[in-house]
Protein backbone atom coordinates (compact mmCIF):
# COMPACT_ATOMS: atom_id res chain seq x y z
CA MET A 1 68.61 -42.51 -34.87
CA HIS A 2 69.46 -40.08 -32.07
CA ILE A 3 66.59 -37.63 -31.60
CA VAL A 4 66.95 -34.55 -29.40
CA ILE A 5 63.58 -33.21 -28.20
CA VAL A 6 63.76 -29.57 -27.13
CA HIS A 7 61.41 -27.59 -24.91
CA ASN A 8 61.99 -24.73 -22.49
CA ALA A 9 60.12 -26.39 -19.63
CA LYS A 10 60.61 -29.01 -16.94
CA ILE A 11 59.57 -32.65 -17.41
CA PRO A 12 57.79 -34.75 -16.37
CA VAL A 13 54.76 -32.58 -15.66
CA LEU A 14 52.54 -33.43 -12.70
CA LYS A 15 49.48 -31.26 -13.32
CA TYR A 16 48.70 -28.79 -16.11
CA GLY A 17 51.11 -28.94 -19.05
CA GLY A 18 49.98 -30.34 -22.35
CA ILE A 19 53.19 -29.88 -24.36
CA GLU A 20 55.28 -31.47 -21.64
CA ARG A 21 52.96 -34.47 -21.53
CA VAL A 22 53.08 -34.89 -25.32
CA ILE A 23 56.88 -34.81 -25.61
CA TRP A 24 57.20 -37.20 -22.67
CA HIS A 25 54.97 -39.76 -24.37
CA LEU A 26 56.67 -39.16 -27.71
CA GLY A 27 60.08 -39.81 -26.18
CA LYS A 28 58.88 -43.04 -24.59
CA ALA A 29 57.36 -44.27 -27.85
CA LEU A 30 60.50 -43.45 -29.85
CA THR A 31 62.64 -45.27 -27.28
CA LYS A 32 60.43 -48.36 -27.52
CA LYS A 33 60.99 -48.30 -31.29
CA GLY A 34 64.75 -48.54 -30.72
CA HIS A 35 65.74 -44.90 -31.14
CA GLN A 36 68.00 -42.95 -28.79
CA VAL A 37 66.21 -39.97 -27.22
CA SER A 38 67.66 -36.97 -25.42
CA PHE A 39 65.59 -34.20 -23.86
CA LEU A 40 67.08 -30.70 -23.95
CA VAL A 41 64.86 -29.17 -21.28
CA SER A 42 64.82 -26.99 -18.16
CA ASN A 43 66.82 -27.74 -15.02
CA GLY A 44 65.24 -30.18 -12.60
CA SER A 45 63.96 -32.50 -15.32
CA THR A 46 64.32 -36.26 -14.95
CA SER A 47 63.71 -39.32 -17.13
CA SER A 48 64.23 -43.05 -16.71
CA PHE A 49 64.23 -43.77 -20.45
CA ALA A 50 66.06 -40.81 -22.03
CA ASN A 51 69.12 -38.66 -21.49
CA ILE A 52 68.51 -35.23 -19.94
CA ILE A 53 70.46 -32.20 -21.12
CA ASN A 54 69.88 -29.18 -18.89
CA TYR A 55 69.08 -26.09 -20.97
CA ASN A 56 71.49 -23.19 -20.41
CA PRO A 57 69.89 -19.86 -21.42
CA GLU A 58 73.34 -18.29 -21.68
CA LYS A 59 74.32 -20.60 -24.55
CA SER A 60 72.93 -20.93 -28.08
CA TRP A 61 70.85 -23.95 -29.02
CA ASN A 62 73.53 -25.11 -31.44
CA GLU A 63 76.10 -25.18 -28.63
CA GLN A 64 73.86 -27.42 -26.54
CA ILE A 65 72.78 -29.92 -29.18
CA PRO A 66 75.12 -32.96 -28.95
CA ASP A 67 77.25 -33.82 -31.98
CA SER A 68 75.72 -37.31 -32.04
CA ALA A 69 72.23 -35.94 -32.73
CA ASP A 70 70.71 -36.97 -36.06
CA VAL A 71 67.68 -34.71 -35.82
CA VAL A 72 66.37 -32.07 -33.42
CA HIS A 73 62.69 -31.68 -32.56
CA PHE A 74 61.89 -28.19 -31.26
CA ASN A 75 58.64 -27.55 -29.40
CA MET A 76 59.21 -23.81 -29.26
CA LEU A 77 60.52 -21.73 -32.14
CA PRO A 78 64.33 -21.41 -32.06
CA ASN A 79 65.68 -17.89 -32.45
CA GLU A 80 68.74 -18.91 -34.44
CA LYS A 81 69.65 -20.88 -37.53
CA ILE A 82 69.92 -24.53 -36.52
CA ILE A 83 72.83 -26.47 -37.98
CA LYS A 84 71.46 -29.98 -37.47
CA PRO A 85 68.39 -31.27 -39.35
CA TYR A 86 65.35 -30.17 -37.32
CA ILE A 87 61.59 -29.74 -37.17
CA PHE A 88 59.45 -27.38 -35.10
CA THR A 89 56.06 -28.41 -33.71
CA MET A 90 53.75 -25.45 -33.23
CA HIS A 91 51.39 -26.28 -30.38
CA GLY A 92 49.54 -22.98 -30.10
CA ASN A 93 48.09 -20.16 -32.18
CA VAL A 94 49.28 -16.81 -33.47
CA ASN A 95 46.95 -14.14 -34.78
CA ASP A 96 49.26 -12.07 -36.95
CA ALA A 97 51.23 -12.32 -40.18
CA THR A 98 54.29 -13.94 -38.57
CA LEU A 99 56.23 -16.15 -40.97
CA LEU A 100 56.73 -19.55 -39.37
CA ASP A 101 59.63 -21.90 -39.93
CA VAL A 102 59.69 -23.91 -43.17
CA ASN A 103 59.95 -27.07 -41.06
CA THR A 104 56.86 -26.37 -38.97
CA VAL A 105 54.56 -29.24 -37.99
CA PHE A 106 51.03 -28.44 -36.80
CA VAL A 107 48.93 -30.57 -34.45
CA SER A 108 45.70 -31.01 -36.43
CA LYS A 109 44.48 -30.75 -40.00
CA ASN A 110 42.53 -27.58 -39.22
CA HIS A 111 45.51 -26.07 -37.40
CA ALA A 112 47.69 -26.64 -40.47
CA ALA A 113 45.06 -25.50 -42.99
CA ARG A 114 44.71 -22.13 -41.28
CA PHE A 115 48.37 -21.56 -42.19
CA GLY A 116 48.11 -22.89 -45.73
CA SER A 117 49.78 -26.17 -44.77
CA ASN A 118 49.02 -29.88 -44.79
CA SER A 119 51.90 -30.81 -42.47
CA PHE A 120 50.45 -32.02 -39.16
CA VAL A 121 50.76 -34.78 -36.59
CA TYR A 122 48.03 -35.53 -34.06
CA ASN A 123 49.09 -35.55 -30.42
CA GLY A 124 49.09 -39.05 -29.01
CA MET A 125 49.17 -40.37 -25.48
CA ASP A 126 50.84 -43.43 -23.99
CA TRP A 127 47.56 -44.77 -22.66
CA GLU A 128 49.33 -47.35 -20.49
CA ASP A 129 50.21 -44.42 -18.21
CA TYR A 130 46.49 -43.75 -17.73
CA GLY A 131 45.46 -47.26 -16.75
CA LYS A 132 42.30 -49.05 -17.85
CA PRO A 133 39.18 -47.03 -16.98
CA ASP A 134 35.98 -48.50 -15.58
CA LEU A 135 33.46 -47.99 -18.38
CA ASN A 136 30.52 -49.57 -16.57
CA ASN A 137 30.44 -47.60 -13.32
CA GLU A 138 27.71 -45.20 -12.24
CA ARG A 139 28.52 -41.60 -13.16
CA LYS A 140 26.74 -38.54 -11.83
CA GLN A 141 28.59 -35.41 -13.02
CA PHE A 142 30.13 -33.82 -16.11
CA HIS A 143 33.52 -32.11 -16.20
CA PHE A 144 35.38 -29.16 -17.65
CA LEU A 145 39.13 -29.72 -18.16
CA GLY A 146 41.58 -26.89 -18.82
CA ASP A 147 42.96 -23.66 -17.43
CA ALA A 148 39.75 -21.94 -16.34
CA ALA A 149 41.51 -18.58 -16.03
CA TRP A 150 42.14 -18.60 -19.79
CA ARG A 151 39.01 -16.90 -21.15
CA VAL A 152 39.07 -18.59 -24.57
CA LYS A 153 38.50 -21.90 -22.76
CA ASN A 154 35.10 -20.49 -21.71
CA VAL A 155 34.52 -22.15 -18.33
CA LYS A 156 31.74 -19.58 -17.89
CA GLY A 157 29.98 -21.09 -20.92
CA ALA A 158 30.49 -24.61 -19.60
CA ILE A 159 28.90 -23.62 -16.28
CA HIS A 160 26.01 -21.87 -18.02
CA SER A 161 25.33 -24.89 -20.25
CA ILE A 162 25.14 -27.18 -17.22
CA LEU A 163 22.86 -24.81 -15.29
CA LEU A 164 20.46 -24.77 -18.26
CA THR A 165 19.86 -28.48 -17.67
CA LYS A 166 17.36 -29.63 -15.06
CA LYS A 167 19.77 -31.14 -12.55
CA GLU A 168 23.17 -31.96 -14.08
CA GLU A 169 26.35 -31.06 -12.18
CA LEU A 170 29.82 -30.00 -13.33
CA MET A 171 33.32 -30.69 -12.00
CA VAL A 172 35.68 -27.86 -12.96
CA LEU A 173 39.15 -29.39 -13.26
CA GLY A 174 41.51 -26.46 -13.62
CA GLY A 175 39.78 -23.63 -11.78
CA ASN A 176 38.53 -22.34 -8.43
CA ARG A 177 35.16 -21.06 -7.25
CA LEU A 178 36.66 -17.64 -6.47
CA ASN A 179 38.80 -16.29 -9.31
CA PHE A 180 40.30 -12.80 -9.27
CA ARG A 181 42.16 -13.40 -12.56
CA MET A 182 38.86 -13.33 -14.42
CA GLY A 183 37.74 -10.00 -12.98
CA PHE A 184 36.44 -11.35 -9.64
CA ARG A 185 34.27 -14.28 -10.62
CA PHE A 186 32.43 -16.17 -7.89
CA THR A 187 30.23 -19.14 -8.72
CA PHE A 188 27.42 -19.64 -6.23
CA SER A 189 25.63 -22.71 -7.59
CA PRO A 190 26.07 -25.91 -5.52
CA ARG A 191 25.79 -27.86 -8.79
CA ILE A 192 29.26 -26.64 -9.79
CA HIS A 193 32.25 -28.23 -8.04
CA PHE A 194 35.79 -26.85 -8.27
CA TYR A 195 38.95 -28.93 -7.95
CA GLY A 196 41.71 -26.50 -8.97
CA MET A 197 44.64 -27.76 -11.03
CA VAL A 198 44.64 -31.55 -10.83
CA GLY A 199 46.91 -34.14 -12.36
CA GLY A 200 47.99 -37.76 -12.24
CA GLU A 201 45.88 -40.27 -10.36
CA GLU A 202 43.56 -37.59 -8.97
CA LYS A 203 42.64 -36.39 -12.46
CA TYR A 204 42.17 -39.93 -13.75
CA ARG A 205 39.92 -40.75 -10.78
CA LEU A 206 37.70 -37.75 -11.49
CA LEU A 207 37.51 -38.45 -15.23
CA THR A 208 36.41 -42.01 -14.47
CA GLN A 209 33.46 -40.52 -12.58
CA SER A 210 32.39 -38.16 -15.38
CA LYS A 211 29.46 -38.48 -17.78
CA GLY A 212 31.11 -36.21 -20.36
CA LEU A 213 33.39 -33.26 -21.12
CA VAL A 214 31.83 -29.79 -21.52
CA PHE A 215 34.27 -27.83 -23.70
CA PRO A 216 32.73 -24.71 -25.33
CA VAL A 217 36.00 -23.05 -26.38
CA ARG A 218 35.84 -19.66 -28.07
CA TRP A 219 38.98 -19.91 -30.17
CA HIS A 220 40.31 -22.23 -32.84
CA GLU A 221 41.60 -25.03 -30.61
CA PRO A 222 44.85 -26.30 -32.19
CA PHE A 223 44.31 -29.86 -30.90
CA GLY A 224 42.93 -30.20 -27.37
CA ILE A 225 44.47 -32.94 -25.23
CA ALA A 226 41.48 -32.57 -22.90
CA LEU A 227 39.37 -34.01 -25.73
CA THR A 228 41.30 -37.23 -26.19
CA GLU A 229 41.97 -37.75 -22.48
CA SER A 230 38.26 -37.42 -21.76
CA LEU A 231 37.28 -39.74 -24.61
CA TYR A 232 39.74 -42.35 -23.33
CA PHE A 233 37.86 -42.40 -20.03
CA GLY A 234 34.60 -42.99 -21.88
CA CYS A 235 33.41 -39.38 -21.80
CA PRO A 236 31.60 -37.96 -24.86
CA VAL A 237 32.48 -34.34 -25.67
CA PHE A 238 30.04 -31.42 -25.77
CA GLY A 239 31.81 -28.45 -27.32
CA THR A 240 31.89 -25.73 -29.93
CA PRO A 241 32.62 -26.32 -33.65
CA TYR A 242 35.95 -24.47 -33.69
CA GLY A 243 39.49 -25.42 -34.61
CA SER A 244 40.24 -29.12 -34.36
CA LEU A 245 36.94 -30.11 -32.75
CA PRO A 246 34.96 -30.94 -35.92
CA GLU A 247 37.68 -33.30 -37.14
CA ILE A 248 38.30 -34.97 -33.76
CA ILE A 249 34.78 -35.08 -32.32
CA GLN A 250 32.77 -37.24 -34.68
CA SER A 251 29.00 -37.49 -34.24
CA ASP A 252 29.22 -40.83 -32.43
CA VAL A 253 31.49 -39.46 -29.67
CA GLY A 254 30.04 -36.02 -29.03
CA PHE A 255 28.02 -33.00 -30.05
CA LEU A 256 29.16 -29.56 -31.23
CA SER A 257 27.29 -26.27 -31.21
CA SER A 258 27.96 -22.60 -30.46
CA SER A 259 24.56 -22.43 -28.72
CA SER A 260 24.40 -23.04 -24.97
CA GLN A 261 20.75 -24.08 -25.35
CA GLU A 262 21.59 -26.77 -27.91
CA LEU A 263 24.59 -27.93 -25.92
CA SER A 264 22.54 -28.25 -22.73
CA LYS A 265 19.95 -30.42 -24.53
CA ALA A 266 22.71 -32.69 -25.84
CA ILE A 267 24.22 -32.90 -22.35
CA GLU A 268 20.90 -34.13 -20.98
CA ASN A 269 21.00 -36.93 -23.58
CA SER A 270 24.58 -37.99 -22.86
CA ASP A 271 23.50 -41.57 -22.20
CA THR A 272 22.93 -42.05 -25.94
CA TYR A 273 26.71 -42.12 -26.46
CA SER A 274 28.71 -45.31 -25.97
CA ARG A 275 31.51 -45.10 -23.41
CA ILE A 276 33.17 -48.06 -25.08
CA ARG A 277 33.15 -46.34 -28.48
CA CYS A 278 34.62 -43.13 -26.98
CA HIS A 279 37.35 -45.11 -25.21
CA GLU A 280 38.30 -47.28 -28.19
CA TYR A 281 38.35 -44.31 -30.56
CA ALA A 282 40.82 -42.37 -28.39
CA ARG A 283 42.91 -45.47 -27.69
CA ASP A 284 43.22 -46.53 -31.32
CA VAL A 285 43.54 -43.18 -33.11
CA PHE A 286 45.30 -40.81 -30.70
CA ASN A 287 48.06 -42.95 -29.25
CA ALA A 288 51.78 -42.28 -28.82
CA ASP A 289 52.82 -45.09 -31.15
CA LYS A 290 50.99 -43.54 -34.11
CA MET A 291 52.33 -40.11 -33.19
CA ALA A 292 55.90 -41.42 -33.11
CA ASP A 293 55.54 -43.10 -36.53
CA ALA A 294 54.24 -39.86 -38.03
CA TYR A 295 57.09 -37.84 -36.56
CA ILE A 296 59.67 -40.36 -37.77
CA GLU A 297 58.49 -39.63 -41.33
CA LYS A 298 59.11 -35.91 -40.70
CA TYR A 299 62.53 -36.61 -39.18
CA GLU A 300 63.60 -38.73 -42.14
CA LYS A 301 62.50 -36.06 -44.59
CA VAL A 302 64.59 -33.29 -43.05
CA MET A 303 67.51 -35.66 -42.52
CA ASN A 304 67.44 -36.26 -46.28
CA GLY A 305 67.87 -32.54 -46.84
CA GLN A 306 64.25 -31.72 -47.66
CA GLN A 307 62.07 -29.02 -46.12
CA LEU A 308 58.54 -29.67 -44.88
CA HIS A 309 57.26 -26.59 -46.76
CA THR A 310 58.40 -24.89 -49.96
CA LYS A 311 57.78 -21.52 -48.28
CA ALA A 312 57.25 -20.38 -44.71
CA PRO A 313 53.69 -21.02 -43.44
CA GLN A 314 51.69 -17.92 -42.58
CA LEU A 315 48.24 -17.38 -41.08
CA LEU A 316 45.79 -16.99 -43.96
CA SER A 317 43.14 -14.97 -42.14
CA ILE A 318 43.74 -12.80 -39.08
CA GLN A 319 40.85 -13.09 -36.61
CA GLN A 320 39.31 -9.69 -35.93
CA GLU A 321 37.01 -10.65 -33.03
CA LYS A 322 38.51 -11.33 -29.61
CA PHE A 323 36.34 -14.41 -29.02
CA LEU A 324 34.51 -16.70 -31.45
CA ALA A 325 30.70 -16.72 -31.33
CA TRP A 326 28.89 -18.21 -28.34
CA ASP A 327 25.35 -17.65 -27.11
């Protein structure tokens, strides 16, 4: 089939950009399975395995979708009625009573359940792009991975959890020591190391040196690519029990708590987790091949004239607090 994957961003992504990374790996996996893939994306995008259609904001989506397309996969909600069979993957959260599209796909079981749905596909990576990590090397630091300026990611909590330990250190991948965006935050401790936004080989090199991911998010994480990327490199996850984390982070690959004290104790016992188990779990469960197979089932359903939901999904419970509990 000819699948058109739509996103209003440039691909491939070099540093931060989870959605772009997911659709890139999805397109590669679909191509390997014998399908024709086109990306309808922002100007400047390139691909060696798929056709690129440059998005024109002055035209409607329907005008830009080729006639040969069998199905269209949106990764942002279209603002018009789409003529071709289509699905929409929702990658983020909303906290209001917005009615979503009847063909919405969520990215975890928890993500879907919060909207009264059971339609979800886990994000999967093409792990060949990441190389084979060294799982037997000496590792001295932990890491935080994400946009540190986004307060729900709680880099402050990650730093605090590390400083509660006797001597552990933290690499902050995605933030700087001096941050005006967070109301002038300056981190003095020499046990905290900042690397800014990193990607590609530099990120992989740092993850291979890490003892574990510290991820105390204060929102309902829809999926969390940082989780599976870290696990692939043999890093257990120490995070909060919100959103997708309880279904992704099983007890043999990490520890979850909303208490910084409890998290710090678990961090100090990180050696009890098997790097091999973490790596194999991510490799076998959250890979691009499985993701592509799951999406193909969704594509075939809408191509047969069915909808993914009988009625539009809607958030079941609006969150009143700005941030979920953390102490």
